[in-house]
Amino acid sequence: MLGEAARAAGYRLIVRDEVGSTMEEARRALDQGEPGKLWIVARSQNAGRGRHGRQWGSPPGNLYASLLLTDPCEPAMAPQLGFVVGLALHDAAAKLLGPSAAGLRLKWPNDLLLDRAKTSGLLLEGESRAGRFNVIVGCGVNIASCPSDTPYPATFLKAAAPQANVEAMLTGLSDAFSRRFAVWSQPGGFGPTRAAWLERAAFLGEVITIRLPEGPLTGRFAGLDPAGRLELETETGRRVIDAGDLFFGSPAQG
């Protein structure tokens, strides 16, 4: 169920047994005039997807959720919501893990890591309809299992906290998002959001590789600029990256 703070802030919940993807369910709800602040959760998905159209495995026991927001911000600010949701995922997972939460980190732009292995990812999609800007945020959290055929390490929360479950994660996530979103929505709210994200950032100060359409780019992860773009110190100077896939180390390692 949703947390008490989320319900008090006007968020609602729909739970399905199985869907193609919760993001498609959210889009259908939008087609039917849904006013937003709606969480849609499925016990399993048969057509889940991640960034760049990648398939997202969706067996039962993990959290598959999408949040539909109507007019949450100006379109240009929508990418910042990824940092808000990332912080909420970190908050919720940390509450579940307790002492094991020391290994939780946020990987730019949209993953939650536990001991440098992916345990959660998110996907943001925005669109304008009838003069209103809508954002759908899809979240997948590995709780009971994780895929084994990924190009990067993956893990699941129960491996570190046997008591972890979907219900507790959803309650914590919905409450944490309502609080983090309220902070971000204030004038200048991305400043504290950015600072909180950097406190939890994976690989900050380390050598990383960003895979871009024109090829890999390696440098030191220097931080985030005021708009949330990744700052990379390279041999030819500082680069600012809007989007890309981050890997630890050199291209050969990634």
Protein backbone atom coordinates (compact mmCIF):
# COMPACT_ATOMS: atom_id res chain seq x y z
CA MET A 1 0.00 0.00 0.00
CA LEU A 2 0.97 3.65 -0.24
CA GLY A 3 2.57 5.29 2.75
CA GLU A 4 0.68 7.63 5.03
CA ALA A 5 2.56 10.72 3.82
CA ALA A 6 1.84 9.83 0.19
CA ARG A 7 -1.86 9.35 0.84
CA ALA A 8 -2.02 12.62 2.76
CA ALA A 9 -0.42 14.38 -0.21
CA GLY A 10 -3.15 13.06 -2.53
CA TYR A 11 -1.38 10.14 -4.22
CA ARG A 12 -3.47 7.12 -5.15
CA LEU A 13 -2.71 3.50 -6.04
CA ILE A 14 -3.90 0.87 -8.53
CA VAL A 15 -2.55 -2.70 -8.26
CA ARG A 16 -2.70 -5.21 -11.13
CA ASP A 17 -1.78 -8.90 -11.14
CA GLU A 18 -0.06 -8.89 -14.54
CA VAL A 19 0.31 -6.24 -17.23
CA GLY A 20 2.39 -5.69 -20.33
CA SER A 21 4.12 -2.82 -18.53
CA THR A 22 3.04 -0.41 -15.83
CA MET A 23 4.12 2.50 -18.03
CA GLU A 24 1.66 1.43 -20.72
CA GLU A 25 -1.03 1.12 -18.03
CA ALA A 26 -0.24 4.66 -16.92
CA ARG A 27 -0.49 5.87 -20.51
CA ARG A 28 -3.88 4.18 -20.83
CA ALA A 29 -5.03 5.88 -17.66
CA LEU A 30 -3.90 9.19 -19.12
CA ASP A 31 -5.92 8.47 -22.27
CA GLN A 32 -8.97 8.04 -20.04
CA GLY A 33 -8.53 11.43 -18.39
CA GLU A 34 -6.62 10.39 -15.27
CA PRO A 35 -5.66 13.58 -13.33
CA GLY A 36 -2.30 12.27 -12.08
CA LYS A 37 -0.58 11.58 -8.76
CA LEU A 38 -1.34 7.94 -9.50
CA TRP A 39 0.89 4.96 -8.70
CA ILE A 40 0.30 1.83 -10.80
CA VAL A 41 1.89 -1.38 -9.51
CA ALA A 42 1.91 -4.84 -11.08
CA ARG A 43 2.89 -8.14 -9.49
CA SER A 44 4.49 -9.11 -12.82
CA GLN A 45 5.00 -7.68 -16.32
CA ASN A 46 5.31 -9.48 -19.62
CA ALA A 47 6.61 -6.54 -21.67
CA GLY A 48 8.66 -4.43 -19.26
CA ARG A 49 11.33 -2.19 -20.73
CA GLY A 50 14.16 0.04 -19.65
CA ARG A 51 16.14 2.83 -21.29
CA HIS A 52 16.77 2.72 -25.05
CA GLY A 53 13.96 0.14 -25.41
CA ARG A 54 15.88 -2.56 -23.55
CA GLN A 55 13.81 -5.42 -22.19
CA TRP A 56 13.39 -5.44 -18.41
CA GLY A 57 12.87 -8.89 -16.92
CA SER A 58 9.82 -8.89 -14.65
CA PRO A 59 9.33 -12.08 -12.59
CA PRO A 60 7.05 -12.00 -9.52
CA GLY A 61 8.56 -10.89 -6.22
CA ASN A 62 10.09 -7.61 -7.44
CA LEU A 63 8.54 -4.14 -7.52
CA TYR A 64 7.21 -2.91 -10.86
CA ALA A 65 5.65 0.52 -10.52
CA SER A 66 4.90 3.61 -12.56
CA LEU A 67 3.91 7.03 -11.29
CA LEU A 68 1.78 9.33 -13.44
CA LEU A 69 2.25 13.04 -12.78
CA THR A 70 0.23 15.74 -14.53
CA ASP A 71 1.77 19.22 -14.83
CA PRO A 72 4.57 18.51 -12.33
CA CYS A 73 6.89 21.08 -13.92
CA GLU A 74 7.91 22.83 -17.10
CA PRO A 75 9.07 20.32 -19.77
CA ALA A 76 12.65 21.58 -19.64
CA MET A 77 12.85 20.68 -15.94
CA ALA A 78 11.49 17.15 -16.33
CA PRO A 79 14.90 15.41 -16.42
CA GLN A 80 15.49 16.66 -12.87
CA LEU A 81 12.69 14.35 -11.72
CA GLY A 82 15.10 11.46 -12.28
CA PHE A 83 17.20 12.74 -9.37
CA VAL A 84 14.08 13.16 -7.21
CA VAL A 85 12.96 9.58 -7.86
CA GLY A 86 16.50 8.28 -7.44
CA LEU A 87 16.71 9.85 -3.99
CA ALA A 88 13.32 8.37 -3.08
CA LEU A 89 14.49 4.91 -4.18
CA HIS A 90 17.63 5.33 -2.08
CA ASP A 91 15.59 6.47 0.95
CA ALA A 92 13.19 3.52 0.70
CA ALA A 93 15.91 0.91 0.14
CA ALA A 94 18.02 2.31 2.99
CA LYS A 95 15.07 1.99 5.36
CA LEU A 96 14.62 -1.66 4.35
CA LEU A 97 18.31 -2.55 4.50
CA GLY A 98 19.19 -0.94 7.81
CA PRO A 99 22.90 -1.56 8.59
CA SER A 100 23.42 -3.04 5.10
CA ALA A 101 22.48 0.28 3.50
CA ALA A 102 26.07 1.57 3.61
CA GLY A 103 26.64 0.07 0.16
CA LEU A 104 23.75 1.94 -1.48
CA ARG A 105 24.76 4.48 -4.12
CA LEU A 106 23.08 6.35 -6.97
CA LYS A 107 24.56 5.85 -10.43
CA TRP A 108 24.06 8.62 -12.96
CA PRO A 109 21.63 9.03 -14.55
CA ASN A 110 19.05 6.60 -13.21
CA ASP A 111 20.23 3.48 -11.31
CA LEU A 112 20.39 2.46 -7.67
CA LEU A 113 23.40 0.30 -6.79
CA LEU A 114 24.05 -1.94 -3.81
CA ASP A 115 27.75 -2.72 -3.41
CA ARG A 116 28.26 -1.54 -7.01
CA ALA A 117 25.64 -3.91 -8.42
CA LYS A 118 22.39 -2.65 -9.94
CA THR A 119 19.31 -3.23 -7.83
CA SER A 120 16.94 -0.66 -9.33
CA GLY A 121 16.45 1.41 -12.46
CA LEU A 122 14.00 4.05 -13.58
CA LEU A 123 12.68 5.45 -16.83
CA LEU A 124 11.09 8.87 -17.42
CA GLU A 125 8.83 9.73 -20.32
CA GLY A 126 7.08 13.05 -20.83
CA GLU A 127 4.45 14.29 -23.25
CA SER A 128 2.11 17.22 -23.71
CA ARG A 129 -1.61 16.78 -24.24
CA ALA A 130 -4.27 19.46 -24.49
CA GLY A 131 -1.95 22.07 -23.06
CA ARG A 132 -0.86 19.91 -20.11
CA PHE A 133 2.55 18.34 -19.64
CA ASN A 134 2.54 14.82 -18.22
CA VAL A 135 5.38 12.68 -16.90
CA ILE A 136 5.36 8.93 -16.37
CA VAL A 137 8.09 7.55 -14.14
CA GLY A 138 8.69 3.79 -14.32
CA CYS A 139 10.56 2.08 -11.46
CA GLY A 140 11.80 -1.49 -11.28
CA VAL A 141 13.36 -2.72 -8.03
CA ASN A 142 15.04 -6.11 -7.69
CA ILE A 143 13.77 -7.40 -4.35
CA ALA A 144 13.51 -11.20 -4.57
CA SER A 145 15.65 -11.83 -7.66
CA CYS A 146 17.77 -10.20 -10.35
CA PRO A 147 18.68 -11.02 -13.95
CA SER A 148 21.89 -12.95 -14.55
CA ASP A 149 22.47 -12.09 -18.22
CA THR A 150 23.26 -8.39 -17.86
CA PRO A 151 26.35 -6.55 -19.13
CA TYR A 152 26.90 -5.19 -15.60
CA PRO A 153 26.65 -6.71 -12.09
CA ALA A 154 23.13 -6.95 -10.64
CA THR A 155 21.79 -7.87 -7.22
CA PHE A 156 18.56 -7.88 -5.21
CA LEU A 157 17.58 -6.50 -1.81
CA LYS A 158 16.72 -9.81 -0.13
CA ALA A 159 20.33 -10.89 -0.59
CA ALA A 160 21.27 -8.28 2.01
CA ALA A 161 17.97 -7.99 3.91
CA PRO A 162 15.82 -11.17 3.95
CA GLN A 163 12.91 -9.20 5.40
CA ALA A 164 12.65 -6.97 2.31
CA ASN A 165 9.37 -7.24 0.39
CA VAL A 166 7.38 -5.43 -2.28
CA GLU A 167 4.83 -3.93 0.11
CA ALA A 168 7.42 -2.35 2.39
CA MET A 169 9.40 -1.01 -0.56
CA LEU A 170 6.30 0.58 -2.11
CA THR A 171 5.26 2.16 1.19
CA GLY A 172 8.71 3.62 1.70
CA LEU A 173 9.11 4.72 -1.91
CA SER A 174 5.75 6.48 -2.11
CA ASP A 175 6.36 8.38 1.14
CA ALA A 176 9.93 9.27 0.22
CA PHE A 177 8.89 10.52 -3.22
CA SER A 178 6.15 12.74 -1.77
CA ARG A 179 8.72 14.35 0.56
CA ARG A 180 11.51 14.66 -2.02
CA PHE A 181 9.10 16.03 -4.64
CA ALA A 182 7.80 18.66 -2.20
CA VAL A 183 11.37 19.89 -1.60
CA TRP A 184 12.23 19.92 -5.31
CA SER A 185 9.01 21.78 -6.18
CA GLN A 186 9.98 24.78 -4.07
CA PRO A 187 11.77 27.70 -5.77
CA GLY A 188 15.43 26.72 -6.07
CA GLY A 189 14.55 23.19 -4.99
CA PHE A 190 16.98 21.52 -7.35
CA GLY A 191 19.87 22.92 -5.31
CA PRO A 192 19.20 20.75 -2.22
CA THR A 193 18.10 17.87 -4.44
CA ARG A 194 21.37 18.00 -6.37
CA ALA A 195 23.39 18.22 -3.14
CA ALA A 196 21.57 15.23 -1.63
CA TRP A 197 22.09 13.21 -4.80
CA LEU A 198 25.83 13.96 -4.89
CA GLU A 199 26.16 12.82 -1.26
CA ARG A 200 24.93 9.40 -2.44
CA ALA A 201 26.64 9.33 -5.85
CA ALA A 202 28.48 6.26 -7.09
CA PHE A 203 31.96 6.71 -8.61
CA LEU A 204 32.24 10.41 -7.74
CA GLY A 205 35.89 11.39 -8.17
CA GLU A 206 36.68 8.10 -9.93
CA VAL A 207 37.57 7.33 -13.54
CA ILE A 208 34.46 6.37 -15.50
CA THR A 209 33.49 5.80 -19.11
CA ILE A 210 30.40 7.34 -20.68
CA ARG A 211 29.14 5.59 -23.78
CA LEU A 212 27.88 8.23 -26.18
CA PRO A 213 26.45 7.88 -29.72
CA GLU A 214 29.80 9.03 -31.14
CA GLY A 215 31.77 6.56 -28.99
CA PRO A 216 33.08 6.08 -25.44
CA LEU A 217 34.47 9.00 -23.44
CA THR A 218 36.65 8.39 -20.37
CA GLY A 219 37.47 10.82 -17.57
CA ARG A 220 37.05 11.60 -13.90
CA PHE A 221 33.51 12.02 -12.61
CA ALA A 222 33.74 15.58 -11.24
CA GLY A 223 30.11 16.17 -10.26
CA LEU A 224 26.86 17.59 -11.61
CA ASP A 225 26.39 21.03 -13.05
CA PRO A 226 23.47 23.23 -11.82
CA ALA A 227 21.17 21.64 -14.44
CA GLY A 228 22.03 18.06 -13.41
CA ARG A 229 24.35 17.29 -16.31
CA LEU A 230 27.35 15.09 -15.57
CA GLU A 231 30.70 16.88 -15.41
CA LEU A 232 33.61 14.83 -16.73
CA GLU A 233 37.26 15.83 -16.48
CA THR A 234 38.97 14.47 -19.60
CA GLU A 235 42.47 14.76 -21.04
CA THR A 236 41.21 17.58 -23.25
CA GLY A 237 39.33 19.48 -20.56
CA ARG A 238 35.97 19.40 -18.79
CA ARG A 239 33.00 18.00 -20.67
CA VAL A 240 29.33 18.31 -19.70
CA ILE A 241 27.19 15.29 -20.59
CA ASP A 242 23.42 15.48 -21.01
CA ALA A 243 22.77 11.74 -21.40
CA GLY A 244 24.67 8.49 -21.81
CA ASP A 245 25.43 5.13 -20.22
CA LEU A 246 27.95 5.25 -17.39
CA PHE A 247 30.41 2.43 -16.81
CA PHE A 248 33.10 2.14 -14.16
CA GLY A 249 36.68 2.38 -15.40
CA SER A 250 38.02 2.29 -18.94
CA PRO A 251 36.17 1.17 -22.11
CA ALA A 252 37.92 -2.21 -21.87
CA GLN A 253 36.51 -2.72 -18.34
CA GLY A 254 33.00 -1.52 -19.17
